[in-house]
Protein backbone atom coordinates (compact mmCIF):
# COMPACT_ATOMS: atom_id res chain seq x y z
CA MET A 1 0.00 0.00 0.00
CA ALA A 2 1.38 3.40 -1.02
CA THR A 3 2.09 5.99 1.65
CA THR A 4 -0.15 9.03 1.39
CA VAL A 5 1.30 12.49 2.02
CA TYR A 6 -0.04 15.99 1.62
CA CYS A 7 1.39 19.24 0.34
CA ALA A 8 1.88 21.74 3.17
CA PHE A 9 1.29 24.61 0.73
CA CYS A 10 -1.89 23.65 -1.14
CA GLY A 11 -3.20 20.67 0.86
CA ALA A 12 -3.23 18.26 -2.10
CA THR A 13 -3.12 14.57 -1.13
CA MET A 14 -0.81 12.28 -3.10
CA THR A 15 1.51 9.28 -2.97
CA LEU A 16 5.22 9.72 -2.29
CA VAL A 17 5.94 9.13 -5.98
CA GLU A 18 3.46 11.81 -6.99
CA ALA A 19 4.91 14.16 -4.36
CA SER A 20 8.34 13.97 -5.99
CA ARG A 21 6.87 15.78 -9.02
CA HIS A 22 4.30 17.99 -7.29
CA PHE A 23 4.80 21.73 -7.80
CA CYS A 24 1.74 23.63 -6.68
CA ASP A 25 3.15 27.13 -6.92
CA ALA A 26 4.92 28.89 -9.78
CA ARG A 27 7.56 30.11 -7.31
CA ASN A 28 8.60 26.49 -6.82
CA ARG A 29 9.25 25.89 -10.51
CA PHE A 30 12.88 26.95 -10.07
CA ILE A 31 15.17 24.74 -8.01
CA VAL A 32 18.87 24.20 -7.48
CA SER A 33 19.88 20.77 -8.75
CA VAL A 34 23.12 19.15 -7.62
CA TYR A 35 24.33 16.24 -9.69
CA ASP A 36 27.86 14.89 -10.05
CA CYS A 37 29.19 17.69 -7.76
CA VAL A 38 27.83 20.40 -10.07
CA ALA A 39 25.12 22.83 -8.95
CA ARG A 40 22.82 24.44 -11.49
CA LEU A 41 19.62 26.41 -11.49
CA VAL A 42 16.89 24.54 -13.38
CA TYR A 43 13.30 25.27 -14.33
CA ILE A 44 10.59 22.62 -14.12
CA ASP A 45 8.11 23.03 -16.96
CA GLU A 46 4.41 22.18 -16.91
CA GLU A 47 5.13 18.59 -17.97
CA GLY A 48 7.63 18.08 -15.14
CA ARG A 49 10.73 18.25 -17.38
CA PHE A 50 13.87 19.85 -16.01
CA ARG A 51 15.00 22.64 -18.36
CA GLN A 52 18.34 24.39 -18.55
CA VAL A 53 18.35 28.02 -17.41
CA GLU A 54 20.60 30.57 -19.09
CA PRO A 55 22.42 32.47 -17.83
CA GLN A 56 23.33 30.58 -14.70
CA PRO A 57 23.66 32.53 -11.46
CA PRO A 58 27.05 32.94 -9.80
CA GLU A 59 28.35 29.78 -8.16
CA SER A 60 28.40 31.54 -4.78
CA LEU A 61 24.61 32.02 -4.93
CA LEU A 62 24.01 28.39 -5.85
CA ASN A 63 26.31 27.12 -3.09
CA GLY A 64 24.70 29.49 -0.59
CA ALA A 65 21.25 28.08 -1.33
CA ILE A 66 22.52 24.52 -0.89
CA GLU A 67 24.37 25.21 2.35
CA ARG A 68 21.46 27.22 3.82
CA VAL A 69 19.43 24.01 4.16
CA GLY A 70 22.30 21.80 5.30
CA GLY A 71 23.30 20.47 1.88
CA ALA A 72 26.67 20.31 0.20
CA ILE A 73 27.99 20.23 -3.35
CA ASN A 74 28.83 16.53 -2.89
CA LEU A 75 25.24 15.67 -1.86
CA SER A 76 23.22 15.20 -5.05
CA GLY A 77 19.64 16.35 -4.82
CA TYR A 78 17.22 19.21 -5.26
CA TYR A 79 17.35 22.32 -3.12
CA PRO A 80 15.01 25.30 -2.70
CA LEU A 81 16.01 28.77 -3.75
CA SER A 82 17.54 31.15 -1.24
CA ASP A 83 16.26 34.71 -0.94
CA GLU A 84 19.43 35.84 -2.73
CA LEU A 85 18.71 33.52 -5.68
CA LYS A 86 15.10 34.74 -5.83
CA GLU A 87 16.39 38.31 -5.96
CA TRP A 88 18.88 37.37 -8.70
CA LEU A 89 16.04 35.77 -10.70
CA SER A 90 13.81 38.83 -10.34
CA ASN A 91 16.60 41.05 -11.72
CA THR A 92 17.80 38.76 -14.53
CA ASP A 93 16.26 37.90 -17.89
CA VAL A 94 16.56 34.14 -18.16
CA SER A 95 15.74 31.77 -20.99
CA PHE A 96 15.05 28.05 -20.97
CA GLY A 97 17.01 25.65 -23.12
CA GLY A 98 16.96 21.91 -23.56
CA ASP A 99 16.66 19.22 -20.93
CA ALA A 100 18.91 19.86 -17.94
CA GLU A 101 21.27 17.15 -16.70
CA CYS A 102 19.86 16.18 -13.32
CA GLY A 103 20.28 13.05 -11.22
């Protein structure tokens, strides 16, 4: 039997598998992805695909977002944006390219 969880933001009920792809808020469509000791900002489109973001923010902003929540560049995973990254995004014109390389 699948474990049922709920989204703390919108209250949607789902399985753990569904939760791994649940993005209820447009603000959550950007994440920091760490894979193979490389951090990158990625965008998750409406179909759940990870898209490359250009230009990429400075490495210090990416690392700051990872470390803020107890992560590290050698811990692959997905991390939320820091306030500094959100500010960078609001002041930068970004475009979305092909599929991003994520773990």
